[in-house]
PDB file of all heavy atoms in Angstrom:
ATOM      1  N   ALA A   1      95.262 111.395 116.780  1.00  0.00           N
ATOM      2  CA  ALA A   1      94.603 112.665 116.296  1.00  0.00           C
ATOM      3  C   ALA A   1      95.366 113.254 115.174  1.00  0.00           C
ATOM      4  O   ALA A   1      94.695 113.685 114.135  1.00  0.00           O
ATOM      5  CB  ALA A   1      94.537 113.699 117.388  1.00  0.00           C
ATOM      6  N   LEU A   2      96.640 113.219 115.183  1.00  0.00           N
ATOM      7  CA  LEU A   2      97.409 113.756 113.947  1.00  0.00           C
ATOM      8  C   LEU A   2      97.240 112.818 112.715  1.00  0.00           C
ATOM      9  O   LEU A   2      97.123 113.403 111.655  1.00  0.00           O
ATOM     10  CB  LEU A   2      98.956 113.754 114.363  1.00  0.00           C
ATOM     11  CG  LEU A   2      99.293 114.855 115.413  1.00  0.00           C
ATOM     12  CD1 LEU A   2     100.738 114.685 115.841  1.00  0.00           C
ATOM     13  CD2 LEU A   2      99.008 116.223 114.896  1.00  0.00           C
ATOM     14  N   ALA A   3      97.233 111.542 112.929  1.00  0.00           N
ATOM     15  CA  ALA A   3      97.082 110.649 111.784  1.00  0.00           C
ATOM     16  C   ALA A   3      95.776 110.900 111.179  1.00  0.00           C
ATOM     17  O   ALA A   3      95.640 110.848 109.915  1.00  0.00           O
ATOM     18  CB  ALA A   3      97.227 109.107 112.286  1.00  0.00           C
ATOM     19  N   ALA A   4      94.754 111.142 112.030  1.00  0.00           N
ATOM     20  CA  ALA A   4      93.322 111.368 111.539  1.00  0.00           C
ATOM     21  C   ALA A   4      93.285 112.681 110.857  1.00  0.00           C
ATOM     22  O   ALA A   4      92.623 112.926 109.859  1.00  0.00           O
ATOM     23  CB  ALA A   4      92.368 111.259 112.642  1.00  0.00           C
ATOM     24  N   TYR A   5      94.026 113.721 111.371  1.00  0.00           N
ATOM     25  CA  TYR A   5      94.083 115.047 110.741  1.00  0.00           C
ATOM     26  C   TYR A   5      94.583 114.928 109.340  1.00  0.00           C
ATOM     27  O   TYR A   5      94.085 115.510 108.282  1.00  0.00           O
ATOM     28  CB  TYR A   5      94.879 116.051 111.538  1.00  0.00           C
ATOM     29  CG  TYR A   5      94.581 117.470 111.215  1.00  0.00           C
ATOM     30  CD1 TYR A   5      93.717 118.240 111.956  1.00  0.00           C
ATOM     31  CD2 TYR A   5      95.196 118.052 110.096  1.00  0.00           C
ATOM     32  CE1 TYR A   5      93.521 119.560 111.608  1.00  0.00           C
ATOM     33  CE2 TYR A   5      94.920 119.404 109.746  1.00  0.00           C
ATOM     34  CZ  TYR A   5      94.157 120.203 110.505  1.00  0.00           C
ATOM     35  OH  TYR A   5      93.843 121.448 110.154  1.00  0.00           O
ATOM     36  N   ASN A   6      95.588 114.002 109.182  1.00  0.00           N
ATOM     37  CA  ASN A   6      96.230 113.857 107.794  1.00  0.00           C
ATOM     38  C   ASN A   6      95.440 112.939 106.957  1.00  0.00           C
ATOM     39  O   ASN A   6      95.243 113.150 105.779  1.00  0.00           O
ATOM     40  CB  ASN A   6      97.631 113.340 107.937  1.00  0.00           C
ATOM     41  CG  ASN A   6      98.378 113.135 106.673  1.00  0.00           C
ATOM     42  OD1 ASN A   6      98.378 111.974 106.214  1.00  0.00           O
ATOM     43  ND2 ASN A   6      98.796 114.063 106.113  1.00  0.00           N
ATOM     44  N   ALA A   7      95.035 111.774 107.448  1.00  0.00           N
ATOM     45  CA  ALA A   7      94.401 110.683 106.645  1.00  0.00           C
ATOM     46  C   ALA A   7      92.927 110.516 106.816  1.00  0.00           C
ATOM     47  O   ALA A   7      92.306 109.820 105.997  1.00  0.00           O
ATOM     48  CB  ALA A   7      95.118 109.350 106.940  1.00  0.00           C
ATOM     49  N   GLY A   8      92.297 111.157 107.848  1.00  0.00           N
ATOM     50  CA  GLY A   8      90.971 110.992 108.096  1.00  0.00           C
ATOM     51  C   GLY A   8      90.658 110.014 109.228  1.00  0.00           C
ATOM     52  O   GLY A   8      91.426 109.006 109.338  1.00  0.00           O
ATOM     53  N   GLU A   9      89.675 110.314 110.014  1.00  0.00           N
ATOM     54  CA  GLU A   9      89.395 109.354 111.156  1.00  0.00           C
ATOM     55  C   GLU A   9      88.956 108.015 110.737  1.00  0.00           C
ATOM     56  O   GLU A   9      89.208 107.027 111.384  1.00  0.00           O
ATOM     57  CB  GLU A   9      88.493 109.991 112.260  1.00  0.00           C
ATOM     58  CG  GLU A   9      87.094 110.320 111.735  1.00  0.00           C
ATOM     59  CD  GLU A   9      86.925 111.818 111.317  1.00  0.00           C
ATOM     60  OE1 GLU A   9      87.924 112.492 110.972  1.00  0.00           O
ATOM     61  OE2 GLU A   9      85.743 112.206 111.237  1.00  0.00           O
ATOM     62  N   LYS A  10      88.327 107.997 109.510  1.00  0.00           N
ATOM     63  CA  LYS A  10      87.913 106.623 109.001  1.00  0.00           C
ATOM     64  C   LYS A  10      89.007 105.678 108.768  1.00  0.00           C
ATOM     65  O   LYS A  10      88.986 104.527 109.066  1.00  0.00           O
ATOM     66  CB  LYS A  10      87.007 106.754 107.818  1.00  0.00           C
ATOM     67  CG  LYS A  10      85.642 107.346 108.065  1.00  0.00           C
ATOM     68  CD  LYS A  10      84.764 107.535 106.845  1.00  0.00           C
ATOM     69  CE  LYS A  10      83.495 108.176 107.290  1.00  0.00           C
ATOM     70  NZ  LYS A  10      82.738 108.565 106.031  1.00  0.00           N
ATOM     71  N   ALA A  11      90.141 106.314 108.290  1.00  0.00           N
ATOM     72  CA  ALA A  11      91.323 105.454 107.968  1.00  0.00           C
ATOM     73  C   ALA A  11      92.023 104.967 109.274  1.00  0.00           C
ATOM     74  O   ALA A  11      92.401 103.830 109.400  1.00  0.00           O
ATOM     75  CB  ALA A  11      92.388 106.244 107.190  1.00  0.00           C
ATOM     76  N   VAL A  12      92.069 105.935 110.318  1.00  0.00           N
ATOM     77  CA  VAL A  12      92.672 105.585 111.514  1.00  0.00           C
ATOM     78  C   VAL A  12      91.844 104.509 112.223  1.00  0.00           C
ATOM     79  O   VAL A  12      92.337 103.453 112.748  1.00  0.00           O
ATOM     80  CB  VAL A  12      92.808 106.736 112.454  1.00  0.00           C
ATOM     81  CG1 VAL A  12      93.187 106.415 113.828  1.00  0.00           C
ATOM     82  CG2 VAL A  12      93.743 107.720 111.826  1.00  0.00           C
ATOM     83  N   ASP A  13      90.516 104.558 112.214  1.00  0.00           N
ATOM     84  CA  ASP A  13      89.589 103.528 112.787  1.00  0.00           C
ATOM     85  C   ASP A  13      89.745 102.201 112.018  1.00  0.00           C
ATOM     86  O   ASP A  13      89.874 101.173 112.637  1.00  0.00           O
ATOM     87  CB  ASP A  13      88.232 104.053 112.829  1.00  0.00           C
ATOM     88  CG  ASP A  13      87.903 105.134 113.872  1.00  0.00           C
ATOM     89  OD1 ASP A  13      88.789 105.404 114.656  1.00  0.00           O
ATOM     90  OD2 ASP A  13      86.856 105.634 113.820  1.00  0.00           O
ATOM     91  N   ARG A  14      89.812 102.266 110.716  1.00  0.00           N
ATOM     92  CA  ARG A  14      89.929 101.015 109.903  1.00  0.00           C
ATOM     93  C   ARG A  14      91.139 100.247 110.229  1.00  0.00           C
ATOM     94  O   ARG A  14      91.110  99.069 110.266  1.00  0.00           O
ATOM     95  CB  ARG A  14      89.820 101.390 108.456  1.00  0.00           C
ATOM     96  CG  ARG A  14      89.855 100.202 107.497  1.00  0.00           C
ATOM     97  CD  ARG A  14      89.591 100.503 106.049  1.00  0.00           C
ATOM     98  NE  ARG A  14      90.432 101.571 105.495  1.00  0.00           N
ATOM     99  CZ  ARG A  14      89.963 102.722 105.132  1.00  0.00           C
ATOM    100  NH1 ARG A  14      88.687 102.967 105.185  1.00  0.00           N
ATOM    101  NH2 ARG A  14      90.680 103.741 104.697  1.00  0.00           N
ATOM    102  N   TYR A  15      92.251 100.984 110.344  1.00  0.00           N
ATOM    103  CA  TYR A  15      93.607 100.330 110.618  1.00  0.00           C
ATOM    104  C   TYR A  15      93.916 100.136 112.146  1.00  0.00           C
ATOM    105  O   TYR A  15      94.948  99.683 112.438  1.00  0.00           O
ATOM    106  CB  TYR A  15      94.720 101.124 109.930  1.00  0.00           C
ATOM    107  CG  TYR A  15      94.769 100.929 108.449  1.00  0.00           C
ATOM    108  CD1 TYR A  15      94.213 101.947 107.611  1.00  0.00           C
ATOM    109  CD2 TYR A  15      95.225  99.789 107.925  1.00  0.00           C
ATOM    110  CE1 TYR A  15      94.226 101.745 106.239  1.00  0.00           C
ATOM    111  CE2 TYR A  15      95.211  99.605 106.523  1.00  0.00           C
ATOM    112  CZ  TYR A  15      94.702 100.558 105.698  1.00  0.00           C
ATOM    113  OH  TYR A  15      94.690 100.347 104.369  1.00  0.00           O
ATOM    114  N   LEU A  16      92.968 100.600 112.987  1.00  0.00           N
ATOM    115  CA  LEU A  16      93.122 100.419 114.457  1.00  0.00           C
ATOM    116  C   LEU A  16      94.446 101.222 114.890  1.00  0.00           C
ATOM    117  O   LEU A  16      95.105 100.656 115.719  1.00  0.00           O
ATOM    118  CB  LEU A  16      93.106  99.042 114.840  1.00  0.00           C
ATOM    119  CG  LEU A  16      91.871  98.196 114.543  1.00  0.00           C
ATOM    120  CD1 LEU A  16      91.975  96.747 114.943  1.00  0.00           C
ATOM    121  CD2 LEU A  16      90.582  98.803 115.174  1.00  0.00           C
ATOM    122  N   GLY A  17      94.655 102.294 114.294  1.00  0.00           N
ATOM    123  CA  GLY A  17      95.811 103.063 114.660  1.00  0.00           C
ATOM    124  C   GLY A  17      96.353 103.874 113.447  1.00  0.00           C
ATOM    125  O   GLY A  17      95.555 104.082 112.498  1.00  0.00           O
ATOM    126  N   VAL A  18      97.549 104.356 113.530  1.00  0.00           N
ATOM    127  CA  VAL A  18      98.150 105.143 112.373  1.00  0.00           C
ATOM    128  C   VAL A  18      98.165 104.242 111.165  1.00  0.00           C
ATOM    129  O   VAL A  18      98.717 103.137 111.171  1.00  0.00           O
ATOM    130  CB  VAL A  18      99.530 105.589 112.739  1.00  0.00           C
ATOM    131  CG1 VAL A  18     100.157 106.379 111.614  1.00  0.00           C
ATOM    132  CG2 VAL A  18      99.539 106.456 114.030  1.00  0.00           C
ATOM    133  N   PRO A  19      97.532 104.743 109.997  1.00  0.00           N
ATOM    134  CA  PRO A  19      97.433 103.936 108.764  1.00  0.00           C
ATOM    135  C   PRO A  19      98.844 103.725 108.281  1.00  0.00           C
ATOM    136  O   PRO A  19      99.761 104.538 108.553  1.00  0.00           O
ATOM    137  CB  PRO A  19      96.625 104.777 107.901  1.00  0.00           C
ATOM    138  CG  PRO A  19      95.879 105.780 108.772  1.00  0.00           C
ATOM    139  CD  PRO A  19      96.729 105.971 109.920  1.00  0.00           C
ATOM    140  N   PRO A  20      99.044 102.627 107.500  1.00  0.00           N
ATOM    141  CA  PRO A  20     100.351 102.348 106.914  1.00  0.00           C
ATOM    142  C   PRO A  20     100.673 103.218 105.728  1.00  0.00           C
ATOM    143  O   PRO A  20     101.362 102.785 104.814  1.00  0.00           O
ATOM    144  CB  PRO A  20     100.193 100.837 106.553  1.00  0.00           C
ATOM    145  CG  PRO A  20      98.710 100.734 106.245  1.00  0.00           C
ATOM    146  CD  PRO A  20      98.022 101.700 107.113  1.00  0.00           C
ATOM    147  N   TYR A  21     100.218 104.437 105.681  1.00  0.00           N
ATOM    148  CA  TYR A  21     100.632 105.267 104.537  1.00  0.00           C
ATOM    149  C   TYR A  21     101.900 106.025 104.871  1.00  0.00           C
ATOM    150  O   TYR A  21     102.036 106.659 105.964  1.00  0.00           O
ATOM    151  CB  TYR A  21      99.484 106.395 104.334  1.00  0.00           C
ATOM    152  CG  TYR A  21      98.051 105.887 104.248  1.00  0.00           C
ATOM    153  CD1 TYR A  21      97.089 106.595 104.762  1.00  0.00           C
ATOM    154  CD2 TYR A  21      97.695 104.590 103.749  1.00  0.00           C
ATOM    155  CE1 TYR A  21      95.726 106.126 104.664  1.00  0.00           C
ATOM    156  CE2 TYR A  21      96.455 104.194 103.764  1.00  0.00           C
ATOM    157  CZ  TYR A  21      95.440 104.968 104.236  1.00  0.00           C
ATOM    158  OH  TYR A  21      94.130 104.507 104.196  1.00  0.00           O
ATOM    159  N   ALA A  22     102.850 106.005 103.972  1.00  0.00           N
ATOM    160  CA  ALA A  22     104.129 106.628 104.236  1.00  0.00           C
ATOM    161  C   ALA A  22     103.935 108.120 104.533  1.00  0.00           C
ATOM    162  O   ALA A  22     104.557 108.623 105.528  1.00  0.00           O
ATOM    163  CB  ALA A  22     105.094 106.471 102.991  1.00  0.00           C
ATOM    164  N   GLU A  23     103.099 108.831 103.801  1.00  0.00           N
ATOM    165  CA  GLU A  23     102.900 110.241 104.059  1.00  0.00           C
ATOM    166  C   GLU A  23     102.343 110.546 105.447  1.00  0.00           C
ATOM    167  O   GLU A  23     102.813 111.414 106.178  1.00  0.00           O
ATOM    168  CB  GLU A  23     101.861 110.793 103.065  1.00  0.00           C
ATOM    169  CG  GLU A  23     101.497 112.193 103.293  1.00  0.00           C
ATOM    170  CD  GLU A  23     100.333 112.714 102.505  1.00  0.00           C
ATOM    171  OE1 GLU A  23     100.078 112.265 101.433  1.00  0.00           O
ATOM    172  OE2 GLU A  23      99.559 113.582 102.963  1.00  0.00           O
ATOM    173  N   THR A  24     101.383 109.692 105.861  1.00  0.00           N
ATOM    174  CA  THR A  24     100.765 109.910 107.177  1.00  0.00           C
ATOM    175  C   THR A  24     101.831 109.605 108.252  1.00  0.00           C
ATOM    176  O   THR A  24     101.885 110.238 109.246  1.00  0.00           O
ATOM    177  CB  THR A  24      99.519 109.038 107.339  1.00  0.00           C
ATOM    178  OG1 THR A  24      98.616 109.412 106.366  1.00  0.00           O
ATOM    179  CG2 THR A  24      98.855 109.238 108.725  1.00  0.00           C
ATOM    180  N   ARG A  25     102.469 108.540 108.156  1.00  0.00           N
ATOM    181  CA  ARG A  25     103.553 108.156 109.144  1.00  0.00           C
ATOM    182  C   ARG A  25     104.611 109.196 109.318  1.00  0.00           C
ATOM    183  O   ARG A  25     104.965 109.563 110.380  1.00  0.00           O
ATOM    184  CB  ARG A  25     104.096 106.743 108.854  1.00  0.00           C
ATOM    185  CG  ARG A  25     103.104 105.667 109.008  1.00  0.00           C
ATOM    186  CD  ARG A  25     103.595 104.295 108.840  1.00  0.00           C
ATOM    187  NE  ARG A  25     102.540 103.360 109.110  1.00  0.00           N
ATOM    188  CZ  ARG A  25     102.538 102.452 110.112  1.00  0.00           C
ATOM    189  NH1 ARG A  25     103.540 102.395 110.878  1.00  0.00           N
ATOM    190  NH2 ARG A  25     101.517 101.655 110.224  1.00  0.00           N
ATOM    191  N   MET A  26     105.088 109.727 108.135  1.00  0.00           N
ATOM    192  CA  MET A  26     106.038 110.814 108.227  1.00  0.00           C
ATOM    193  C   MET A  26     105.488 112.070 108.887  1.00  0.00           C
ATOM    194  O   MET A  26     106.170 112.751 109.666  1.00  0.00           O
ATOM    195  CB  MET A  26     106.609 111.075 106.841  1.00  0.00           C
ATOM    196  CG  MET A  26     107.760 112.073 106.804  1.00  0.00           C
ATOM    197  SD  MET A  26     109.181 111.635 107.799  1.00  0.00           S
ATOM    198  CE  MET A  26     109.732 110.259 106.872  1.00  0.00           C
ATOM    199  N   TYR A  27     104.257 112.411 108.488  1.00  0.00           N
ATOM    200  CA  TYR A  27     103.494 113.554 109.024  1.00  0.00           C
ATOM    201  C   TYR A  27     103.494 113.483 110.524  1.00  0.00           C
ATOM    202  O   TYR A  27     103.841 114.403 111.297  1.00  0.00           O
ATOM    203  CB  TYR A  27     102.126 113.592 108.386  1.00  0.00           C
ATOM    204  CG  TYR A  27     101.210 114.683 108.883  1.00  0.00           C
ATOM    205  CD1 TYR A  27     101.134 115.915 108.379  1.00  0.00           C
ATOM    206  CD2 TYR A  27     100.324 114.347 109.951  1.00  0.00           C
ATOM    207  CE1 TYR A  27     100.245 116.847 108.709  1.00  0.00           C
ATOM    208  CE2 TYR A  27      99.398 115.384 110.417  1.00  0.00           C
ATOM    209  CZ  TYR A  27      99.419 116.499 109.758  1.00  0.00           C
ATOM    210  OH  TYR A  27      98.509 117.510 110.222  1.00  0.00           O
ATOM    211  N   VAL A  28     103.070 112.313 111.038  1.00  0.00           N
ATOM    212  CA  VAL A  28     102.872 112.073 112.509  1.00  0.00           C
ATOM    213  C   VAL A  28     104.289 112.234 113.189  1.00  0.00           C
ATOM    214  O   VAL A  28     104.479 112.911 114.145  1.00  0.00           O
ATOM    215  CB  VAL A  28     102.232 110.751 112.873  1.00  0.00           C
ATOM    216  CG1 VAL A  28     102.367 110.432 114.358  1.00  0.00           C
ATOM    217  CG2 VAL A  28     100.729 110.787 112.340  1.00  0.00           C
ATOM    218  N   ARG A  29     105.286 111.570 112.611  1.00  0.00           N
ATOM    219  CA  ARG A  29     106.636 111.571 113.162  1.00  0.00           C
ATOM    220  C   ARG A  29     107.176 112.911 113.251  1.00  0.00           C
ATOM    221  O   ARG A  29     107.788 113.339 114.267  1.00  0.00           O
ATOM    222  CB  ARG A  29     107.515 110.710 112.215  1.00  0.00           C
ATOM    223  CG  ARG A  29     108.814 110.144 112.946  1.00  0.00           C
ATOM    224  CD  ARG A  29     109.550 109.157 112.154  1.00  0.00           C
ATOM    225  NE  ARG A  29     108.671 108.038 111.785  1.00  0.00           N
ATOM    226  CZ  ARG A  29     108.566 107.492 110.551  1.00  0.00           C
ATOM    227  NH1 ARG A  29     109.270 107.996 109.560  1.00  0.00           N
ATOM    228  NH2 ARG A  29     107.864 106.442 110.281  1.00  0.00           N
TER     229      ARG A  29
END
């Protein structure tokens, strides 16, 4: 949910999880 809030649910669905974007990974962490 957090990854999608940052990167969008389409990106999370496309990558089958937290997308490999540094910004999104740091945001979630």
